[in-house]
Every structure is written in structure tokens, then in C-alpha cells.
Amino acid sequence: MVSVRKFDSSDSFRFVLSPNCSITWRELVLFYIFTCVVALAIGIFFTLQGLWLVLPFSGLEMAALGFALYLTSRKVNRKEVITLDQRRTRIEKGVQQIDRSWEFETPWIRLVDEPASRPGRPRKLAIGSHGNYVEVGDFLDNSEKDRLAFQLKDCIIRV
């Protein structure tokens, strides 16, 4: 998902890139709790029938599911912010805070739009200058990358 914001006071643009996410954190936690309750009920039922080994494995399964849901949730909640103004272009990447950032001089930046190497492969977009490039929007599909490339080129020309 790409959102663009132009600041009124100057010729500055901000692009916020984030992966598509069909479930919120709250809904994910509710799903996990519901799944744990069902697994616990099944485990207790079989434990009362004398099959006590079902309960520990059910708990282990729920722990693995919780870990996998957490990792997936972190991956879809990451963001990339590209800020363009007349002097500087800043790229920031992170999950809840800025993990990495790069800064380039706007008059020297170049947008590299590399087509897909094979059909079905994603294309690559990178911003940078003087041999130092940063790939942006690696989680976007090709149609979203088309729009992003068009908007970035338009904003670079305007600035």
C-alpha cells in the first residue's frame, strides 16, 4: 500500500509504504486466544479419557502457532518512509521505530527501475546516487510498483 502526502508549506513529498495487512493486531490476538481455548478444551477432553500425552503436545503446538503469528505480524507491520524535499531525500525503514535510514542529496538522486528477471518475479525499484542505492517497496506487487515509480519520478521532477 502506498500513500503520498504533499506538504503545503514547501515542495516536500512523503511516501509511506507498507505491506497489505488483512488483520489487525487485536483481531490476531483474539484469533490466537480462541484457537488456544479450543486446543485446550480438546486436550483436556483427551486427558480425561486417559490420553494424557495429547495435552502437552497441544500446548507445544499453540506455542509454535503463537511464535509464527508474532513473526508474521512483525513482518506485515513494517513501514518504509521516503521524504523528498529540494535539498535532501531521506529513506527510513522499520517496524515500530526507525531501524535503518539513508540520506541522499535530491539533485543527484536517481530512480532505478529494474524489470523482473523472469515472468512472475517482482521488479526492483531503488533510489540512490553515486553507486549507493536502496531498494524500496520490495513487498509491493508489480502494479503498486508501477504507480510508485510514476509518482516518484513525477515528484523528483517537481522538486
Protein backbone atom coordinates (compact mmCIF):
# COMPACT_ATOMS: atom_id res chain seq x y z
CA MET A 1 0.00 0.00 0.00
CA VAL A 2 1.37 3.41 -0.97
CA SER A 3 0.22 6.74 0.41
CA VAL A 4 1.59 10.09 -0.75
CA ARG A 5 1.40 13.37 1.14
CA LYS A 6 2.46 16.79 -0.11
CA PHE A 7 3.35 19.37 2.49
CA ASP A 8 1.65 22.72 1.84
CA SER A 9 4.43 24.94 3.16
CA SER A 10 7.11 23.70 0.75
CA ASP A 11 7.83 21.39 -2.14
CA SER A 12 8.18 18.35 0.08
CA PHE A 13 6.64 14.95 -0.50
CA ARG A 14 6.32 11.98 1.82
CA PHE A 15 5.66 8.44 0.61
CA VAL A 16 4.61 5.87 3.21
CA LEU A 17 4.92 2.28 2.01
CA SER A 18 3.51 -0.67 3.93
CA PRO A 19 2.52 -4.24 3.04
CA ASN A 20 -1.13 -5.14 2.72
CA CYS A 21 -2.44 -6.50 6.01
CA SER A 22 -5.87 -8.11 6.22
CA ILE A 23 -5.99 -8.45 10.01
CA THR A 24 -5.29 -6.03 12.84
CA TRP A 25 -3.16 -6.87 15.85
CA ARG A 26 -6.26 -7.02 18.09
CA GLU A 27 -8.06 -9.41 15.75
CA LEU A 28 -4.94 -11.59 15.55
CA VAL A 29 -4.71 -11.83 19.34
CA LEU A 30 -8.41 -12.72 19.56
CA PHE A 31 -7.93 -15.43 16.92
CA TYR A 32 -4.96 -16.82 18.85
CA ILE A 33 -6.84 -16.84 22.17
CA PHE A 34 -9.83 -18.58 20.55
CA THR A 35 -7.55 -21.20 18.99
CA CYS A 36 -5.78 -21.78 22.31
CA VAL A 37 -9.11 -22.23 24.14
CA VAL A 38 -10.30 -24.78 21.57
CA ALA A 39 -6.97 -26.66 21.68
CA LEU A 40 -7.01 -26.63 25.50
CA ALA A 41 -10.57 -27.97 25.57
CA ILE A 42 -9.67 -30.79 23.18
CA GLY A 43 -6.50 -31.54 25.16
CA ILE A 44 -8.39 -31.68 28.47
CA PHE A 45 -11.07 -33.92 26.94
CA PHE A 46 -8.49 -36.44 25.76
CA THR A 47 -6.56 -36.18 29.05
CA LEU A 48 -9.74 -37.11 30.94
CA GLN A 49 -10.12 -40.10 28.60
CA GLY A 50 -6.69 -41.31 29.69
CA LEU A 51 -4.68 -39.99 26.74
CA TRP A 52 -2.60 -37.58 28.81
CA LEU A 53 0.07 -37.09 26.10
CA VAL A 54 -2.30 -35.05 23.95
CA LEU A 55 -2.30 -32.04 26.33
CA PRO A 56 1.46 -31.26 26.31
CA PHE A 57 1.66 -31.60 22.54
CA SER A 58 -1.39 -29.36 22.18
CA GLY A 59 0.37 -26.74 24.31
CA LEU A 60 3.54 -27.09 22.25
CA GLU A 61 1.51 -26.67 19.08
CA MET A 62 -0.12 -23.48 20.41
CA ALA A 63 3.29 -22.08 21.42
CA ALA A 64 4.60 -22.71 17.89
CA LEU A 65 1.49 -21.10 16.39
CA GLY A 66 1.88 -18.04 18.65
CA PHE A 67 5.53 -17.64 17.65
CA ALA A 68 4.69 -17.95 13.94
CA LEU A 69 1.83 -15.43 14.22
CA TYR A 70 4.10 -12.98 16.03
CA LEU A 71 6.83 -13.22 13.36
CA THR A 72 4.30 -12.82 10.56
CA SER A 73 2.66 -9.87 12.27
CA ARG A 74 6.01 -8.10 12.69
CA LYS A 75 6.75 -8.60 9.01
CA VAL A 76 3.46 -7.10 7.78
CA ASN A 77 3.64 -4.13 10.16
CA ARG A 78 6.89 -2.75 8.77
CA LYS A 79 6.93 0.60 7.02
CA GLU A 80 9.15 2.49 4.63
CA VAL A 81 9.01 6.29 4.54
CA ILE A 82 10.53 8.26 1.66
CA THR A 83 10.75 12.02 2.21
CA LEU A 84 11.69 14.23 -0.74
CA ASP A 85 12.44 17.93 -0.50
CA GLN A 86 14.60 20.33 -2.52
CA ARG A 87 17.85 19.52 -0.75
CA ARG A 88 17.59 16.06 0.82
CA THR A 89 15.92 12.74 0.17
CA ARG A 90 15.57 10.53 3.22
CA ILE A 91 14.58 6.85 3.26
CA GLU A 92 13.59 5.28 6.60
CA LYS A 93 12.72 1.64 7.25
CA GLY A 94 11.44 -0.02 10.41
CA VAL A 95 8.69 -1.82 12.26
CA GLN A 96 7.60 0.42 15.15
CA GLN A 97 10.59 2.72 15.08
CA ILE A 98 13.25 3.62 12.54
CA ASP A 99 15.64 0.69 12.23
CA ARG A 100 17.67 1.98 9.28
CA SER A 101 17.82 5.26 7.40
CA TRP A 102 19.63 6.67 4.38
CA GLU A 103 20.01 10.23 3.17
CA PHE A 104 20.87 11.50 -0.31
CA GLU A 105 21.14 14.91 -1.93
CA THR A 106 17.99 15.35 -4.02
CA PRO A 107 19.59 16.98 -7.09
CA TRP A 108 21.78 13.88 -7.50
CA ILE A 109 19.31 11.09 -6.83
CA ARG A 110 18.32 8.60 -9.45
CA LEU A 111 15.43 6.16 -9.53
CA VAL A 112 16.49 2.75 -10.81
CA ASP A 113 13.59 0.71 -12.17
CA GLU A 114 14.88 -2.79 -12.90
CA PRO A 115 12.41 -5.06 -14.71
CA ALA A 116 11.68 -8.58 -13.49
CA SER A 117 14.39 -11.09 -14.40
CA ARG A 118 11.77 -13.72 -15.29
CA PRO A 119 7.99 -13.69 -15.64
CA GLY A 120 6.34 -13.98 -12.25
CA ARG A 121 9.30 -12.39 -10.45
CA PRO A 122 8.97 -8.97 -8.82
CA ARG A 123 10.67 -5.97 -10.34
CA LYS A 124 13.06 -3.86 -8.31
CA LEU A 125 12.87 -0.16 -7.51
CA ALA A 126 15.86 1.57 -5.95
CA ILE A 127 16.70 5.15 -5.05
CA GLY A 128 20.20 6.46 -4.64
CA SER A 129 23.17 8.26 -6.07
CA HIS A 130 26.89 7.79 -6.67
CA GLY A 131 26.67 3.98 -6.68
CA ASN A 132 24.84 3.76 -3.32
CA TYR A 133 21.26 2.56 -3.90
CA VAL A 134 18.50 1.46 -1.54
CA GLU A 135 15.74 -0.87 -2.71
CA VAL A 136 12.29 0.43 -1.79
CA GLY A 137 8.92 -1.31 -1.72
CA ASP A 138 10.22 -4.86 -2.00
CA PHE A 139 6.92 -6.08 -0.51
CA LEU A 140 4.76 -4.29 -3.12
CA ASP A 141 3.35 -6.11 -6.14
CA ASN A 142 4.28 -5.02 -9.67
CA SER A 143 1.19 -2.84 -10.24
CA GLU A 144 1.85 -0.94 -6.99
CA LYS A 145 5.50 -0.56 -8.01
CA ASP A 146 4.33 0.90 -11.35
CA ARG A 147 2.31 3.57 -9.52
CA LEU A 148 5.12 4.22 -7.05
CA ALA A 149 7.70 4.61 -9.83
CA PHE A 150 5.45 7.02 -11.72
CA GLN A 151 4.74 9.10 -8.59
CA LEU A 152 8.40 9.15 -7.53
CA LYS A 153 9.56 10.28 -10.99
CA ASP A 154 6.89 12.98 -11.00
CA CYS A 155 7.89 14.24 -7.54
CA ILE A 156 11.61 14.18 -8.33
CA ILE A 157 10.98 16.35 -11.40
CA ARG A 158 8.81 18.79 -9.39
CA VAL A 159 11.31 19.16 -6.57
